[in-house]
Amino acid sequence: MLFQAVLIATGVWSVLAPCYALEAETRAPGPGRLAVYWGSESGSTTLDDVCSDSSYNIVNLAFLNYFFSAGGYPATSIGDLGGPSTAQREAGATGLQDGSSLISAMKACQSAGKLLFLSLGGANSYADVTLDSDAQGEQMADTLWNLFLGGDSALRPFGDVKLDGIDLDNESSDHTGYLAMIRRLRSHYSSDSSKAYYLSAAPRCSFREASQWLDVYRQADLVWVQFYGCGQSSVAQRSFAEAVANWAGGIGGAQLFIGALASGDDDTGDTAGYVDANTLVASVQSVKGMGLGNYGGVMLWDAQLAVDNGNYQKQIAGSV
């Protein structure tokens, strides 16, 4: 394969590939899954639409974009949800949203075997998910557990729906408190024997720039690297294979997903690194041919873009 040949030529393949296959110990469900973000791009694609689409296995709700907003509670900006519920408003948690309109879709999604994660962060221009200390990290883990996962609170946006995991999309350089937050989340996860909970992360694709975050990413179950908008390390570019190999070996037992843009027509105008479906399929097949022990699948940004681009997800789903 082309990418395998590149690794052989650079010496990366012969040194690293065997140890990846032997040392990878994935904690997440099996490989070959398609993850997608929903709730950030404007459009008519509903969560019901996404959950009824057999292409997808994992849905990331975008986003919880502020850790500490009104009343000291988080703020969310998910889809076209309106403002807070009565209980949230009375508690001063006006940055939260009343998500009751999504409950039926969420339950249908989970009944169909799909995983629902809540993504924390987003672009720095409209998000702040930084922490000041380990104590704040533990506090935030408790808040996330009680509001969105297996805990209990009158302010829960989605009622009795227990989301399946948390996705970390902190695009700042500051990871203070994150390891403490993860440890506390894992402790909560283990306290609920009724279901499995997961942790994912969505780093940008520059492995060198991500070095300070690697201790965090190694705690995840799934890591969907954004292989777009990063020059020669983007999908199908000259250094893509080397970047994939570096990430596969750098994230411990986590599964590696190839993150891709679903369209070249993003509302934000940030479409650098988009490739058409045929090119993405060819790149994914080359990655699968590398024999990585922790290949997990593909992640798309985002569900609305995919629909607008001729149902991009359906064009690639059979090849992930």
C-alpha atoms as a PDB file:
ATOM      1  CA  MET A   1       0.000   0.000   0.000  1.00  0.00           C
ATOM      2  CA  LEU A   2       1.138   3.582  -0.630  1.00  0.00           C
ATOM      3  CA  PHE A   3       1.243   4.645   3.034  1.00  0.00           C
ATOM      4  CA  GLN A   4       2.934   1.419   4.113  1.00  0.00           C
ATOM      5  CA  ALA A   5       5.564   2.050   1.468  1.00  0.00           C
ATOM      6  CA  VAL A   6       6.101   5.560   2.833  1.00  0.00           C
ATOM      7  CA  LEU A   7       6.651   4.178   6.312  1.00  0.00           C
ATOM      8  CA  ILE A   8       9.090   1.593   5.044  1.00  0.00           C
ATOM      9  CA  ALA A   9      10.991   4.246   3.128  1.00  0.00           C
ATOM     10  CA  THR A  10      11.260   6.508   6.173  1.00  0.00           C
ATOM     11  CA  GLY A  11      12.152   3.666   8.511  1.00  0.00           C
ATOM     12  CA  VAL A  12       9.113   4.325  10.695  1.00  0.00           C
ATOM     13  CA  TRP A  13       7.166   1.213   9.668  1.00  0.00           C
ATOM     14  CA  SER A  14       9.859  -1.363  10.368  1.00  0.00           C
ATOM     15  CA  VAL A  15      10.614   0.020  13.814  1.00  0.00           C
ATOM     16  CA  LEU A  16       7.165   0.895  15.096  1.00  0.00           C
ATOM     17  CA  ALA A  17       4.424  -1.128  13.422  1.00  0.00           C
ATOM     18  CA  PRO A  18       5.134  -4.489  15.124  1.00  0.00           C
ATOM     19  CA  CYS A  19       5.137  -3.010  18.625  1.00  0.00           C
ATOM     20  CA  TYR A  20       1.865  -1.173  17.939  1.00  0.00           C
ATOM     21  CA  ALA A  21       0.198  -4.442  16.997  1.00  0.00           C
ATOM     22  CA  LEU A  22       1.545  -6.197  20.096  1.00  0.00           C
ATOM     23  CA  GLU A  23       1.143  -3.491  22.716  1.00  0.00           C
ATOM     24  CA  ALA A  24      -2.227  -1.998  21.812  1.00  0.00           C
ATOM     25  CA  GLU A  25      -4.851  -2.992  24.369  1.00  0.00           C
ATOM     26  CA  THR A  26      -8.073  -1.311  23.384  1.00  0.00           C
ATOM     27  CA  ARG A  27     -10.757  -0.753  25.999  1.00  0.00           C
ATOM     28  CA  ALA A  28     -13.515   0.376  23.638  1.00  0.00           C
ATOM     29  CA  PRO A  29     -15.916  -1.603  21.430  1.00  0.00           C
ATOM     30  CA  GLY A  30     -14.516  -3.297  18.338  1.00  0.00           C
ATOM     31  CA  PRO A  31     -13.001  -1.475  15.367  1.00  0.00           C
ATOM     32  CA  GLY A  32     -14.659  -0.390  12.146  1.00  0.00           C
ATOM     33  CA  ARG A  33     -16.965   2.232  13.639  1.00  0.00           C
ATOM     34  CA  LEU A  34     -18.123   5.581  12.281  1.00  0.00           C
ATOM     35  CA  ALA A  35     -18.434   8.463  14.739  1.00  0.00           C
ATOM     36  CA  VAL A  36     -19.981  11.841  13.975  1.00  0.00           C
ATOM     37  CA  TYR A  37     -20.564  15.196  15.627  1.00  0.00           C
ATOM     38  CA  TRP A  38     -24.055  16.662  15.704  1.00  0.00           C
ATOM     39  CA  GLY A  39     -25.486  19.890  17.078  1.00  0.00           C
ATOM     40  CA  SER A  40     -23.057  22.578  16.000  1.00  0.00           C
ATOM     41  CA  GLU A  41     -23.694  23.179  12.293  1.00  0.00           C
ATOM     42  CA  SER A  42     -26.930  24.907  11.303  1.00  0.00           C
ATOM     43  CA  GLY A  43     -29.409  22.943   9.222  1.00  0.00           C
ATOM     44  CA  SER A  44     -32.404  20.651   9.264  1.00  0.00           C
ATOM     45  CA  THR A  45     -30.727  17.346  10.168  1.00  0.00           C
ATOM     46  CA  THR A  46     -32.191  16.269  13.501  1.00  0.00           C
ATOM     47  CA  LEU A  47     -30.824  13.915  16.119  1.00  0.00           C
ATOM     48  CA  ASP A  48     -33.606  11.525  15.075  1.00  0.00           C
ATOM     49  CA  ASP A  49     -32.207  11.608  11.538  1.00  0.00           C
ATOM     50  CA  VAL A  50     -28.700  10.837  12.738  1.00  0.00           C
ATOM     51  CA  CYS A  51     -29.781   8.078  15.100  1.00  0.00           C
ATOM     52  CA  SER A  52     -31.874   6.364  12.431  1.00  0.00           C
ATOM     53  CA  ASP A  53     -28.944   6.399   9.994  1.00  0.00           C
ATOM     54  CA  SER A  54     -27.331   2.956  10.018  1.00  0.00           C
ATOM     55  CA  SER A  55     -24.039   4.495   8.888  1.00  0.00           C
ATOM     56  CA  TYR A  56     -23.256   5.797  12.362  1.00  0.00           C
ATOM     57  CA  ASN A  57     -22.196   3.993  15.535  1.00  0.00           C
ATOM     58  CA  ILE A  58     -21.244   6.896  17.803  1.00  0.00           C
ATOM     59  CA  VAL A  59     -22.777  10.378  18.042  1.00  0.00           C
ATOM     60  CA  ASN A  60     -20.999  13.269  19.759  1.00  0.00           C
ATOM     61  CA  LEU A  61     -23.335  16.009  20.983  1.00  0.00           C
ATOM     62  CA  ALA A  62     -21.679  19.372  20.332  1.00  0.00           C
ATOM     63  CA  PHE A  63     -21.037  21.154  22.641  1.00  0.00           C
ATOM     64  CA  LEU A  64     -20.773  21.793  26.322  1.00  0.00           C
ATOM     65  CA  ASN A  65     -18.678  24.863  25.628  1.00  0.00           C
ATOM     66  CA  TYR A  66     -18.159  26.485  29.042  1.00  0.00           C
ATOM     67  CA  PHE A  67     -17.280  24.710  32.270  1.00  0.00           C
ATOM     68  CA  PHE A  68     -18.231  27.595  34.552  1.00  0.00           C
ATOM     69  CA  SER A  69     -21.049  29.830  33.403  1.00  0.00           C
ATOM     70  CA  ALA A  70     -24.098  31.323  35.136  1.00  0.00           C
ATOM     71  CA  GLY A  71     -24.487  30.138  38.709  1.00  0.00           C
ATOM     72  CA  GLY A  72     -21.188  28.260  38.470  1.00  0.00           C
ATOM     73  CA  TYR A  73     -22.777  25.634  36.226  1.00  0.00           C
ATOM     74  CA  PRO A  74     -21.671  24.631  32.710  1.00  0.00           C
ATOM     75  CA  ALA A  75     -23.139  26.137  29.554  1.00  0.00           C
ATOM     76  CA  THR A  76     -24.227  24.113  26.542  1.00  0.00           C
ATOM     77  CA  SER A  77     -24.945  25.062  22.950  1.00  0.00           C
ATOM     78  CA  ILE A  78     -26.458  21.950  21.389  1.00  0.00           C
ATOM     79  CA  GLY A  79     -28.479  22.078  18.198  1.00  0.00           C
ATOM     80  CA  ASP A  80     -31.493  24.357  18.213  1.00  0.00           C
ATOM     81  CA  LEU A  81     -32.329  23.741  21.857  1.00  0.00           C
ATOM     82  CA  GLY A  82     -33.704  26.828  23.536  1.00  0.00           C
ATOM     83  CA  GLY A  83     -32.942  28.223  26.953  1.00  0.00           C
ATOM     84  CA  PRO A  84     -32.941  26.632  30.389  1.00  0.00           C
ATOM     85  CA  SER A  85     -35.719  24.633  31.989  1.00  0.00           C
ATOM     86  CA  THR A  86     -37.685  26.095  34.862  1.00  0.00           C
ATOM     87  CA  ALA A  87     -35.584  24.175  37.402  1.00  0.00           C
ATOM     88  CA  GLN A  88     -32.349  25.287  35.757  1.00  0.00           C
ATOM     89  CA  ARG A  89     -33.490  28.906  35.660  1.00  0.00           C
ATOM     90  CA  GLU A  90     -34.523  28.890  39.308  1.00  0.00           C
ATOM     91  CA  ALA A  91     -31.120  27.458  40.268  1.00  0.00           C
ATOM     92  CA  GLY A  92     -29.337  30.195  38.324  1.00  0.00           C
ATOM     93  CA  ALA A  93     -27.995  27.657  35.817  1.00  0.00           C
ATOM     94  CA  THR A  94     -29.143  29.708  32.838  1.00  0.00           C
ATOM     95  CA  GLY A  95     -26.288  28.519  30.618  1.00  0.00           C
ATOM     96  CA  LEU A  96     -27.762  25.022  30.560  1.00  0.00           C
ATOM     97  CA  GLN A  97     -30.429  24.090  28.031  1.00  0.00           C
ATOM     98  CA  ASP A  98     -33.712  22.262  28.404  1.00  0.00           C
ATOM     99  CA  GLY A  99     -32.977  19.130  26.380  1.00  0.00           C
ATOM    100  CA  SER A 100     -36.291  17.383  26.961  1.00  0.00           C
ATOM    101  CA  SER A 101     -37.148  17.613  23.254  1.00  0.00           C
ATOM    102  CA  LEU A 102     -34.212  15.296  22.499  1.00  0.00           C
ATOM    103  CA  ILE A 103     -34.996  12.593  25.045  1.00  0.00           C
ATOM    104  CA  SER A 104     -37.040  10.361  22.744  1.00  0.00           C
ATOM    105  CA  ALA A 105     -34.384  10.540  20.015  1.00  0.00           C
ATOM    106  CA  MET A 106     -31.656   9.757  22.533  1.00  0.00           C
ATOM    107  CA  LYS A 107     -33.473   6.722  23.869  1.00  0.00           C
ATOM    108  CA  ALA A 108     -34.089   5.472  20.333  1.00  0.00           C
ATOM    109  CA  CYS A 109     -30.422   6.018  19.533  1.00  0.00           C
ATOM    110  CA  GLN A 110     -29.243   3.986  22.501  1.00  0.00           C
ATOM    111  CA  SER A 111     -31.858   1.288  21.900  1.00  0.00           C
ATOM    112  CA  ALA A 112     -30.417   0.915  18.403  1.00  0.00           C
ATOM    113  CA  GLY A 113     -26.987   0.239  19.926  1.00  0.00           C
ATOM    114  CA  LYS A 114     -25.473   3.630  19.174  1.00  0.00           C
ATOM    115  CA  LEU A 115     -23.321   5.432  21.724  1.00  0.00           C
ATOM    116  CA  LEU A 116     -24.072   9.040  22.710  1.00  0.00           C
ATOM    117  CA  PHE A 117     -21.214  11.193  23.991  1.00  0.00           C
ATOM    118  CA  LEU A 118     -21.219  14.794  25.196  1.00  0.00           C
ATOM    119  CA  SER A 119     -18.366  16.778  23.680  1.00  0.00           C
ATOM    120  CA  LEU A 120     -16.647  19.330  25.908  1.00  0.00           C
ATOM    121  CA  GLY A 121     -15.131  22.333  24.188  1.00  0.00           C
ATOM    122  CA  GLY A 122     -15.037  23.314  20.553  1.00  0.00           C
ATOM    123  CA  ALA A 123     -13.215  26.213  18.943  1.00  0.00           C
ATOM    124  CA  ASN A 124     -11.502  28.550  21.407  1.00  0.00           C
ATOM    125  CA  SER A 125     -13.406  31.511  19.966  1.00  0.00           C
ATOM    126  CA  TYR A 126     -16.600  30.333  21.655  1.00  0.00           C
ATOM    127  CA  ALA A 127     -15.488  27.886  24.325  1.00  0.00           C
ATOM    128  CA  ASP A 128     -13.592  27.775  27.594  1.00  0.00           C
ATOM    129  CA  VAL A 129     -13.176  24.333  29.103  1.00  0.00           C
ATOM    130  CA  THR A 130     -10.005  25.030  31.042  1.00  0.00           C
ATOM    131  CA  LEU A 131      -9.517  24.285  34.726  1.00  0.00           C
ATOM    132  CA  ASP A 132      -7.470  26.025  37.408  1.00  0.00           C
ATOM    133  CA  SER A 133      -6.574  23.004  39.541  1.00  0.00           C
ATOM    134  CA  ASP A 134      -7.015  19.314  40.226  1.00  0.00           C
ATOM    135  CA  ALA A 135      -9.731  20.203  42.728  1.00  0.00           C
ATOM    136  CA  GLN A 136     -11.658  21.991  39.982  1.00  0.00           C
ATOM    137  CA  GLY A 137     -11.181  18.960  37.746  1.00  0.00           C
ATOM    138  CA  GLU A 138     -12.723  16.689  40.363  1.00  0.00           C
ATOM    139  CA  GLN A 139     -15.560  19.159  40.870  1.00  0.00           C
ATOM    140  CA  MET A 140     -16.267  19.232  37.137  1.00  0.00           C
ATOM    141  CA  ALA A 141     -16.246  15.423  36.957  1.00  0.00           C
ATOM    142  CA  ASP A 142     -18.897  15.338  39.692  1.00  0.00           C
ATOM    143  CA  THR A 143     -20.949  17.935  37.810  1.00  0.00           C
ATOM    144  CA  LEU A 144     -20.740  16.040  34.518  1.00  0.00           C
ATOM    145  CA  TRP A 145     -21.656  12.780  36.216  1.00  0.00           C
ATOM    146  CA  ASN A 146     -24.688  14.240  37.928  1.00  0.00           C
ATOM    147  CA  LEU A 147     -25.974  16.307  35.003  1.00  0.00           C
ATOM    148  CA  PHE A 148     -25.332  14.014  32.041  1.00  0.00           C
ATOM    149  CA  LEU A 149     -24.180  10.522  33.023  1.00  0.00           C
ATOM    150  CA  GLY A 150     -25.173   8.139  35.804  1.00  0.00           C
ATOM    151  CA  GLY A 151     -25.683  10.588  38.636  1.00  0.00           C
ATOM    152  CA  ASP A 152     -28.705  12.498  39.813  1.00  0.00           C
ATOM    153  CA  SER A 153     -29.730  16.150  39.711  1.00  0.00           C
ATOM    154  CA  ALA A 154     -32.964  18.074  39.274  1.00  0.00           C
ATOM    155  CA  LEU A 155     -31.127  20.132  36.650  1.00  0.00           C
ATOM    156  CA  ARG A 156     -30.365  17.268  34.258  1.00  0.00           C
ATOM    157  CA  PRO A 157     -30.919  18.565  30.689  1.00  0.00           C
ATOM    158  CA  PHE A 158     -31.908  15.135  29.353  1.00  0.00           C
ATOM    159  CA  GLY A 159     -33.891  13.740  32.254  1.00  0.00           C
ATOM    160  CA  ASP A 160     -33.237  10.075  32.971  1.00  0.00           C
ATOM    161  CA  VAL A 161     -31.121   9.528  29.852  1.00  0.00           C
ATOM    162  CA  LYS A 162     -27.630   8.407  30.801  1.00  0.00           C
ATOM    163  CA  LEU A 163     -25.193   9.443  28.094  1.00  0.00           C
ATOM    164  CA  ASP A 164     -22.563   6.856  27.214  1.00  0.00           C
ATOM    165  CA  GLY A 165     -19.487   8.979  27.569  1.00  0.00           C
ATOM    166  CA  ILE A 166     -17.594  12.247  27.529  1.00  0.00           C
ATOM    167  CA  ASP A 167     -15.574  13.596  24.603  1.00  0.00           C
ATOM    168  CA  LEU A 168     -12.666  15.981  25.236  1.00  0.00           C
ATOM    169  CA  ASP A 169     -12.268  18.696  22.600  1.00  0.00           C
ATOM    170  CA  ASN A 170     -10.260  21.266  24.530  1.00  0.00           C
ATOM    171  CA  GLU A 171      -8.454  23.156  21.765  1.00  0.00           C
ATOM    172  CA  SER A 172      -6.396  25.272  24.151  1.00  0.00           C
ATOM    173  CA  SER A 173      -2.884  24.387  25.270  1.00  0.00           C
ATOM    174  CA  ASP A 174      -3.880  24.158  28.937  1.00  0.00           C
ATOM    175  CA  HIS A 175      -4.638  20.711  30.348  1.00  0.00           C
ATOM    176  CA  THR A 176      -4.434  21.675  34.027  1.00  0.00           C
ATOM    177  CA  GLY A 177      -6.765  19.502  36.098  1.00  0.00           C
ATOM    178  CA  TYR A 178      -7.709  17.148  33.279  1.00  0.00           C
ATOM    179  CA  LEU A 179      -6.017  14.040  34.659  1.00  0.00           C
ATOM    180  CA  ALA A 180      -7.751  14.612  37.994  1.00  0.00           C
ATOM    181  CA  MET A 181     -11.068  15.089  36.193  1.00  0.00           C
ATOM    182  CA  ILE A 182     -10.558  11.844  34.286  1.00  0.00           C
ATOM    183  CA  ARG A 183      -9.617   9.889  37.411  1.00  0.00           C
ATOM    184  CA  ARG A 184     -12.768  11.111  39.134  1.00  0.00           C
ATOM    185  CA  LEU A 185     -14.890  10.311  36.064  1.00  0.00           C
ATOM    186  CA  ARG A 186     -13.454   6.790  35.931  1.00  0.00           C
ATOM    187  CA  SER A 187     -14.309   6.352  39.590  1.00  0.00           C
ATOM    188  CA  HIS A 188     -17.882   7.374  38.864  1.00  0.00           C
ATOM    189  CA  TYR A 189     -17.975   5.107  35.819  1.00  0.00           C
ATOM    190  CA  SER A 190     -17.023   2.091  37.914  1.00  0.00           C
ATOM    191  CA  SER A 191     -19.756   2.851  40.444  1.00  0.00           C
ATOM    192  CA  ASP A 192     -22.545   2.128  37.931  1.00  0.00           C
ATOM    193  CA  SER A 193     -22.691  -1.530  36.928  1.00  0.00           C
ATOM    194  CA  SER A 194     -25.806  -1.020  34.801  1.00  0.00           C
ATOM    195  CA  LYS A 195     -23.895   0.128  31.703  1.00  0.00           C
ATOM    196  CA  ALA A 196     -20.500   0.911  30.209  1.00  0.00           C
ATOM    197  CA  TYR A 197     -19.203   4.475  30.022  1.00  0.00           C
ATOM    198  CA  TYR A 198     -16.462   5.757  27.726  1.00  0.00           C
ATOM    199  CA  LEU A 199     -14.026   8.611  27.322  1.00  0.00           C
ATOM    200  CA  SER A 200     -12.944   9.984  23.958  1.00  0.00           C
ATOM    201  CA  ALA A 201     -10.703  12.825  22.801  1.00  0.00           C
ATOM    202  CA  ALA A 202     -10.448  14.871  19.616  1.00  0.00           C
ATOM    203  CA  PRO A 203      -6.935  16.302  19.245  1.00  0.00           C
ATOM    204  CA  ARG A 204      -5.686  18.250  16.266  1.00  0.00           C
ATOM    205  CA  CYS A 205      -3.380  16.193  14.109  1.00  0.00           C
ATOM    206  CA  SER A 206       0.008  17.745  14.864  1.00  0.00           C
ATOM    207  CA  PHE A 207       1.568  15.046  17.034  1.00  0.00           C
ATOM    208  CA  ARG A 208       4.433  17.292  18.099  1.00  0.00           C
ATOM    209  CA  GLU A 209       2.105  20.065  19.282  1.00  0.00           C
ATOM    210  CA  ALA A 210      -0.008  17.505  21.155  1.00  0.00           C
ATOM    211  CA  SER A 211       2.902  16.156  23.190  1.00  0.00           C
ATOM    212  CA  GLN A 212       1.890  17.974  26.379  1.00  0.00           C
ATOM    213  CA  TRP A 213      -1.583  16.398  26.135  1.00  0.00           C
ATOM    214  CA  LEU A 214      -0.479  12.797  25.559  1.00  0.00           C
ATOM    215  CA  ASP A 215      -0.860  11.804  29.212  1.00  0.00           C
ATOM    216  CA  VAL A 216      -4.502  12.866  28.912  1.00  0.00           C
ATOM    217  CA  TYR A 217      -5.134  11.154  25.580  1.00  0.00           C
ATOM    218  CA  ARG A 218      -3.667   7.892  26.892  1.00  0.00           C
ATOM    219  CA  GLN A 219      -6.479   7.773  29.444  1.00  0.00           C
ATOM    220  CA  ALA A 220      -9.119   7.779  26.701  1.00  0.00           C
ATOM    221  CA  ASP A 221     -10.863   4.786  25.182  1.00  0.00           C
ATOM    222  CA  LEU A 222     -11.142   6.365  21.739  1.00  0.00           C
ATOM    223  CA  VAL A 223      -9.085   9.136  20.141  1.00  0.00           C
ATOM    224  CA  TRP A 224     -10.385  10.687  16.917  1.00  0.00           C
ATOM    225  CA  VAL A 225      -7.543  12.763  15.597  1.00  0.00           C
ATOM    226  CA  GLN A 226      -8.573  15.709  13.418  1.00  0.00           C
ATOM    227  CA  PHE A 227      -6.569  14.822  10.320  1.00  0.00           C
ATOM    228  CA  TYR A 228      -7.596  18.019   8.553  1.00  0.00           C
ATOM    229  CA  GLY A 229      -6.439  21.607   8.565  1.00  0.00           C
ATOM    230  CA  CYS A 230      -2.891  20.534   9.394  1.00  0.00           C
ATOM    231  CA  GLY A 231      -0.976  20.763   6.133  1.00  0.00           C
ATOM    232  CA  GLN A 232       0.997  17.720   5.051  1.00  0.00           C
ATOM    233  CA  SER A 233      -0.309  15.609   7.950  1.00  0.00           C
ATOM    234  CA  SER A 234      -3.899  15.884   6.695  1.00  0.00           C
ATOM    235  CA  VAL A 235      -5.695  12.935   5.078  1.00  0.00           C
ATOM    236  CA  ALA A 236      -4.013  11.772   1.850  1.00  0.00           C
ATOM    237  CA  GLN A 237      -1.133  14.240   2.164  1.00  0.00           C
ATOM    238  CA  ARG A 238       2.574  13.435   2.145  1.00  0.00           C
ATOM    239  CA  SER A 239       3.075  13.054   5.913  1.00  0.00           C
ATOM    240  CA  PHE A 240      -0.312  11.510   6.703  1.00  0.00           C
ATOM    241  CA  ALA A 241       1.010   7.978   7.139  1.00  0.00           C
ATOM    242  CA  GLU A 242       3.784   9.090   9.453  1.00  0.00           C
ATOM    243  CA  ALA A 243       1.287  11.111  11.510  1.00  0.00           C
ATOM    244  CA  VAL A 244      -1.030   8.095  11.765  1.00  0.00           C
ATOM    245  CA  ALA A 245       1.844   5.894  12.926  1.00  0.00           C
ATOM    246  CA  ASN A 246       2.931   8.437  15.530  1.00  0.00           C
ATOM    247  CA  TRP A 247      -0.573   8.772  16.925  1.00  0.00           C
ATOM    248  CA  ALA A 248      -1.194   5.020  16.940  1.00  0.00           C
ATOM    249  CA  GLY A 249       1.909   4.489  19.026  1.00  0.00           C
ATOM    250  CA  GLY A 250       1.407   7.494  21.268  1.00  0.00           C
ATOM    251  CA  ILE A 251      -2.056   6.912  22.737  1.00  0.00           C
ATOM    252  CA  GLY A 252      -1.546   3.669  24.623  1.00  0.00           C
ATOM    253  CA  GLY A 253      -4.541   1.351  24.588  1.00  0.00           C
ATOM    254  CA  ALA A 254      -6.953   3.865  23.075  1.00  0.00           C
ATOM    255  CA  GLN A 255      -8.481   3.195  19.677  1.00  0.00           C
ATOM    256  CA  LEU A 256      -7.372   5.536  16.898  1.00  0.00           C
ATOM    257  CA  PHE A 257     -10.011   7.054  14.620  1.00  0.00           C
ATOM    258  CA  ILE A 258      -9.260   8.964  11.428  1.00  0.00           C
ATOM    259  CA  GLY A 259     -11.020  12.317  11.763  1.00  0.00           C
ATOM    260  CA  ALA A 260     -12.195  13.904   8.512  1.00  0.00           C
ATOM    261  CA  LEU A 261     -14.353  16.760   7.257  1.00  0.00           C
ATOM    262  CA  ALA A 262     -17.624  15.627   5.698  1.00  0.00           C
ATOM    263  CA  SER A 263     -17.786  18.595   3.342  1.00  0.00           C
ATOM    264  CA  GLY A 264     -15.768  21.419   1.852  1.00  0.00           C
ATOM    265  CA  ASP A 265     -18.600  23.841   2.637  1.00  0.00           C
ATOM    266  CA  ASP A 266     -18.411  24.440   6.384  1.00  0.00           C
ATOM    267  CA  ASP A 267     -20.282  27.455   7.806  1.00  0.00           C
ATOM    268  CA  THR A 268     -17.075  28.579   9.491  1.00  0.00           C
ATOM    269  CA  GLY A 269     -15.112  28.554   6.246  1.00  0.00           C
ATOM    270  CA  ASP A 270     -12.560  26.244   7.883  1.00  0.00           C
ATOM    271  CA  THR A 271     -12.459  23.530   5.224  1.00  0.00           C
ATOM    272  CA  ALA A 272      -8.720  23.040   4.756  1.00  0.00           C
ATOM    273  CA  GLY A 273      -7.952  19.351   4.448  1.00  0.00           C
ATOM    274  CA  TYR A 274     -11.308  18.216   3.076  1.00  0.00           C
ATOM    275  CA  VAL A 275     -11.096  15.273   0.663  1.00  0.00           C
ATOM    276  CA  ASP A 276     -13.852  13.641  -1.347  1.00  0.00           C
ATOM    277  CA  ALA A 277     -15.338  10.314  -0.298  1.00  0.00           C
ATOM    278  CA  ASN A 278     -13.273   8.212  -2.708  1.00  0.00           C
ATOM    279  CA  THR A 279     -10.040   9.770  -1.464  1.00  0.00           C
ATOM    280  CA  LEU A 280     -10.995   9.239   2.165  1.00  0.00           C
ATOM    281  CA  VAL A 281     -11.912   5.605   1.502  1.00  0.00           C
ATOM    282  CA  ALA A 282      -8.556   5.011  -0.207  1.00  0.00           C
ATOM    283  CA  SER A 283      -6.715   6.622   2.705  1.00  0.00           C
ATOM    284  CA  VAL A 284      -8.625   4.590   5.282  1.00  0.00           C
ATOM    285  CA  GLN A 285      -7.929   1.368   3.403  1.00  0.00           C
ATOM    286  CA  SER A 286      -4.237   2.237   3.434  1.00  0.00           C
ATOM    287  CA  VAL A 287      -4.353   2.850   7.176  1.00  0.00           C
ATOM    288  CA  LYS A 288      -6.082  -0.493   7.705  1.00  0.00           C
ATOM    289  CA  GLY A 289      -3.314  -2.084   5.666  1.00  0.00           C
ATOM    290  CA  MET A 290      -0.715  -0.778   8.111  1.00  0.00           C
ATOM    291  CA  GLY A 291      -1.665  -3.485  10.612  1.00  0.00           C
ATOM    292  CA  LEU A 292      -2.124  -1.139  13.561  1.00  0.00           C
ATOM    293  CA  GLY A 293      -3.438  -2.958  16.594  1.00  0.00           C
ATOM    294  CA  ASN A 294      -5.558  -0.034  17.741  1.00  0.00           C
ATOM    295  CA  TYR A 295      -7.327   1.152  14.587  1.00  0.00           C
ATOM    296  CA  GLY A 296     -10.887   2.093  15.552  1.00  0.00           C
ATOM    297  CA  GLY A 297     -12.587   3.661  12.550  1.00  0.00           C
ATOM    298  CA  VAL A 298     -13.463   7.104  11.206  1.00  0.00           C
ATOM    299  CA  MET A 299     -14.861  10.291  12.747  1.00  0.00           C
ATOM    300  CA  LEU A 300     -16.731  12.879  10.673  1.00  0.00           C
ATOM    301  CA  TRP A 301     -17.317  16.564  11.276  1.00  0.00           C
ATOM    302  CA  ASP A 302     -20.267  16.909  11.043  1.00  0.00           C
ATOM    303  CA  ALA A 303     -23.657  15.207  10.452  1.00  0.00           C
ATOM    304  CA  GLN A 304     -25.268  18.215   8.761  1.00  0.00           C
ATOM    305  CA  LEU A 305     -22.286  18.718   6.466  1.00  0.00           C
ATOM    306  CA  ALA A 306     -22.407  15.051   5.502  1.00  0.00           C
ATOM    307  CA  VAL A 307     -26.073  15.265   4.499  1.00  0.00           C
ATOM    308  CA  ASP A 308     -25.492  18.462   2.538  1.00  0.00           C
ATOM    309  CA  ASN A 309     -22.609  16.792   0.709  1.00  0.00           C
ATOM    310  CA  GLY A 310     -24.618  14.024  -0.932  1.00  0.00           C
ATOM    311  CA  ASN A 311     -24.837  11.902   2.231  1.00  0.00           C
ATOM    312  CA  TYR A 312     -21.080  11.629   2.497  1.00  0.00           C
ATOM    313  CA  GLN A 313     -21.428   9.226   5.432  1.00  0.00           C
ATOM    314  CA  LYS A 314     -23.187   6.633   3.279  1.00  0.00           C
ATOM    315  CA  GLN A 315     -20.408   6.820   0.703  1.00  0.00           C
ATOM    316  CA  ILE A 316     -17.758   5.815   3.237  1.00  0.00           C
ATOM    317  CA  ALA A 317     -19.616   3.740   5.848  1.00  0.00           C
ATOM    318  CA  GLY A 318     -18.918   0.397   4.213  1.00  0.00           C
ATOM    319  CA  SER A 319     -15.174   1.017   4.206  1.00  0.00           C
ATOM    320  CA  VAL A 320     -14.407   2.116   7.755  1.00  0.00           C
END
